[in-house]
Protein backbone atom coordinates (compact mmCIF):
# COMPACT_ATOMS: atom_id res chain seq x y z
CA UNK A 1 60.11 110.31 96.11
CA UNK A 2 62.07 112.75 93.97
CA UNK A 3 63.49 114.38 97.08
CA UNK A 4 64.96 111.05 98.18
CA UNK A 5 66.59 110.54 94.79
CA UNK A 6 67.99 114.08 94.88
CA UNK A 7 69.48 113.52 98.33
CA UNK A 8 71.04 110.25 97.19
CA UNK A 9 72.50 111.93 94.11
CA UNK A 10 73.86 114.83 96.17
CA UNK A 11 75.52 112.42 98.60
CA UNK A 12 77.22 110.76 95.65
CA UNK A 13 78.41 114.15 94.38
CA UNK A 14 79.71 115.32 97.77
CA UNK A 15 83.20 113.78 97.39
CA UNK A 16 83.62 115.67 94.10
CA UNK A 17 82.71 119.10 95.52
CA UNK A 18 85.48 121.06 97.23
CA UNK A 19 84.94 121.90 100.87
CA UNK A 20 85.80 125.21 102.44
CA UNK A 21 88.97 123.73 103.92
CA UNK A 22 90.09 122.38 100.53
CA UNK A 23 89.58 125.79 98.97
CA UNK A 24 91.68 127.41 101.69
CA UNK A 25 94.50 124.90 101.03
CA UNK A 26 94.33 125.34 97.22
CA UNK A 27 97.63 126.73 95.93
CA UNK A 28 95.94 128.75 93.17
CA UNK A 29 93.71 130.52 95.68
CA UNK A 30 96.56 131.17 98.12
CA UNK A 31 96.52 134.99 97.77
CA UNK A 32 92.86 135.19 98.72
CA UNK A 33 92.41 131.90 100.56
CA UNK A 34 92.03 133.62 103.91
CA UNK A 35 88.96 135.40 102.53
CA UNK A 36 87.31 132.13 101.42
CA UNK A 37 87.86 130.69 104.89
CA UNK A 38 85.36 132.94 106.65
CA UNK A 39 82.41 130.89 107.82
CA UNK A 40 79.96 133.72 107.17
CA UNK A 41 80.43 133.19 103.43
CA UNK A 42 79.24 129.59 103.71
CA UNK A 43 76.29 129.98 106.10
CA UNK A 44 72.73 130.20 104.90
CA UNK A 45 71.36 133.35 106.52
CA UNK A 46 68.54 135.72 105.61
CA UNK A 47 71.02 138.30 104.36
CA UNK A 48 73.68 136.18 102.67
CA UNK A 49 71.34 134.00 100.59
CA UNK A 50 69.54 136.86 98.76
CA UNK A 51 72.94 138.48 98.14
CA UNK A 52 74.20 135.21 96.70
CA UNK A 53 71.14 134.87 94.47
CA UNK A 54 71.54 138.44 93.20
CA UNK A 55 75.26 138.02 92.54
CA UNK A 56 74.74 134.68 90.81
CA UNK A 57 72.10 136.13 88.49
CA UNK A 58 74.19 139.22 87.81
CA UNK A 59 77.33 137.21 87.03
CA UNK A 60 75.38 134.64 85.01
CA UNK A 61 74.02 137.25 82.62
CA UNK A 62 76.86 139.77 82.50
CA UNK A 63 79.52 137.43 81.05
CA UNK A 64 79.03 134.17 79.16
CA UNK A 65 82.17 132.37 80.40
CA UNK A 66 83.71 132.26 83.85
CA UNK A 67 80.57 133.44 85.60
CA UNK A 68 81.10 131.08 88.55
CA UNK A 69 84.46 132.65 89.32
CA UNK A 70 83.03 136.15 88.98
CA UNK A 71 80.16 135.31 91.32
CA UNK A 72 82.49 133.74 93.89
CA UNK A 73 84.91 136.68 93.84
CA UNK A 74 82.09 139.24 94.04
CA UNK A 75 80.67 137.32 96.99
CA UNK A 76 83.79 137.96 99.04
CA UNK A 77 83.54 141.73 99.59
CA UNK A 78 79.74 141.71 99.60
CA UNK A 79 79.54 138.91 102.22
CA UNK A 80 77.20 136.82 100.09
CA UNK A 81 76.77 133.07 100.26
CA UNK A 82 79.44 131.66 97.93
CA UNK A 83 77.78 128.29 97.13
CA UNK A 84 74.44 129.95 96.32
CA UNK A 85 76.11 132.57 94.13
CA UNK A 86 78.02 129.89 92.22
CA UNK A 87 74.97 127.64 91.85
CA UNK A 88 72.63 130.35 90.58
CA UNK A 89 74.99 131.16 87.70
CA UNK A 90 73.83 127.92 86.04
CA UNK A 91 70.68 129.74 84.91
CA UNK A 92 72.81 130.52 81.86
CA UNK A 93 74.38 127.30 80.68
CA UNK A 94 75.15 125.91 77.21
CA UNK A 95 71.64 124.48 76.93
CA UNK A 96 69.79 127.67 77.88
CA UNK A 97 72.18 130.15 76.25
CA UNK A 98 70.39 130.24 72.84
CA UNK A 99 67.13 131.09 74.61
CA UNK A 100 68.81 133.85 76.63
CA UNK A 101 70.54 135.22 73.50
CA UNK A 102 67.17 135.67 71.79
CA UNK A 103 65.64 137.24 74.89
CA UNK A 104 68.62 139.56 75.38
CA UNK A 105 68.48 140.62 71.72
CA UNK A 106 64.77 141.39 71.97
CA UNK A 107 65.24 143.30 75.24
CA UNK A 108 68.17 145.24 73.80
CA UNK A 109 66.32 146.12 70.62
CA UNK A 110 63.29 147.21 72.65
CA UNK A 111 65.34 149.34 75.05
CA UNK A 112 67.41 150.92 72.26
CA UNK A 113 64.31 151.43 70.09
CA UNK A 114 65.75 149.47 67.16
CA UNK A 115 63.18 148.19 64.71
CA UNK A 116 63.20 146.34 61.41
CA UNK A 117 63.71 149.58 59.45
CA UNK A 118 67.02 150.22 61.21
CA UNK A 119 68.43 146.85 60.08
CA UNK A 120 67.12 147.21 56.53
CA UNK A 121 70.33 148.75 55.22
CA UNK A 122 72.32 145.63 56.08
CA UNK A 123 69.87 143.38 54.27
CA UNK A 124 69.86 145.65 51.21
CA UNK A 125 73.67 145.70 51.05
CA UNK A 126 73.90 141.91 51.31
CA UNK A 127 71.24 141.28 48.68
CA UNK A 128 72.77 143.81 46.25
CA UNK A 129 76.07 141.95 46.24
CA UNK A 130 78.14 144.96 47.30
CA UNK A 131 80.10 143.16 50.01
CA UNK A 132 82.94 145.64 50.15
CA UNK A 133 80.48 148.42 50.99
CA UNK A 134 78.92 146.31 53.70
CA UNK A 135 79.74 147.97 57.01
CA UNK A 136 80.48 146.16 60.20
CA UNK A 137 78.22 148.65 61.91
CA UNK A 138 75.21 146.58 60.88
CA UNK A 139 76.74 143.43 62.34
CA UNK A 140 77.74 145.20 65.51
CA UNK A 141 74.26 146.68 65.78
CA UNK A 142 72.81 143.23 66.48
CA UNK A 143 75.67 142.25 68.77
CA UNK A 144 75.44 145.57 70.60
CA UNK A 145 71.71 145.19 71.12
CA UNK A 146 72.26 141.69 72.52
CA UNK A 147 75.07 142.87 74.81
CA UNK A 148 72.94 145.75 76.05
CA UNK A 149 70.07 143.30 76.59
CA UNK A 150 72.35 141.12 78.73
CA UNK A 151 73.31 144.14 80.83
CA UNK A 152 69.63 144.97 81.35
CA UNK A 153 68.83 141.32 82.13
CA UNK A 154 71.68 141.11 84.64
CA UNK A 155 70.58 144.21 86.55
CA UNK A 156 66.86 143.46 86.50
CA UNK A 157 67.25 139.76 87.33
CA UNK A 158 69.65 140.54 90.19
CA UNK A 159 67.18 142.99 91.72
CA UNK A 160 64.24 140.62 91.27
CA UNK A 161 66.26 137.67 92.55
CA UNK A 162 67.31 139.57 95.67
CA UNK A 163 63.74 140.63 96.42
CA UNK A 164 62.09 137.28 95.66
CA UNK A 165 64.65 135.18 97.53
CA UNK A 166 64.29 137.47 100.56
CA UNK A 167 60.51 137.07 100.49
CA UNK A 168 60.80 133.31 100.01
CA UNK A 169 63.29 133.09 102.87
CA UNK A 170 60.94 134.95 105.22
CA UNK A 171 58.00 132.76 104.15
CA UNK A 172 59.92 129.53 104.72
CA UNK A 173 61.22 130.64 108.11
CA UNK A 174 57.76 131.81 109.22
CA UNK A 175 56.26 128.48 108.14
CA UNK A 176 58.98 126.61 109.97
CA UNK A 177 58.32 128.58 113.16
CA UNK A 178 54.58 127.96 113.04
CA UNK A 179 55.16 124.21 112.72
CA UNK A 180 57.42 123.99 115.74
CA UNK A 181 56.05 122.09 118.72
CA UNK A 182 54.99 124.34 121.56
CA UNK A 183 53.88 127.08 119.17
CA UNK A 184 50.21 126.13 119.39
CA UNK A 185 47.58 128.78 119.21
CA UNK A 186 46.07 129.69 122.56
CA UNK A 187 42.31 129.57 122.47
CA UNK A 188 40.24 131.89 124.64
CA UNK A 189 37.77 130.17 126.89
CA UNK A 190 34.15 130.38 125.79
CA UNK A 191 32.19 132.92 127.73
């Protein structure tokens, strides 16, 4: 039931999505349009899909804005699936970004071995009222830990995404082959 609704919604969205030919004719993409025109970047193959998933996850976590463009441009030299790479970047969107900021901060603090005692100087300076002595180092400490956490998340999620999408691809293809007509199991005659 939900699959039928999804297909209907996707058919309604199809006129809004640019096709490969429209991207090649786009005047802003003219310098690299010949690269977007290759059909191998738009086919769903066992090699291009995991590359697209990995690039989409990497681009989604490494920068907060413009990740779709980064994923699409990285897909060109790496021969990854461009639509998959662009779609996977939506794992970080305005609704999920606060969650990922907290996770990235915790990962960064864990990896950099920052604990509550390290941030205690900033709290003491703020509570004492000595604002001019307050260093930006304490502020940047939290931002730096979060940025480092995003770098770790981008690398780890890209590796996991590549591996898991490759395994899922093999599983789906194997299941599809076993369900094909004419692929029935041959039984040995009873002796």
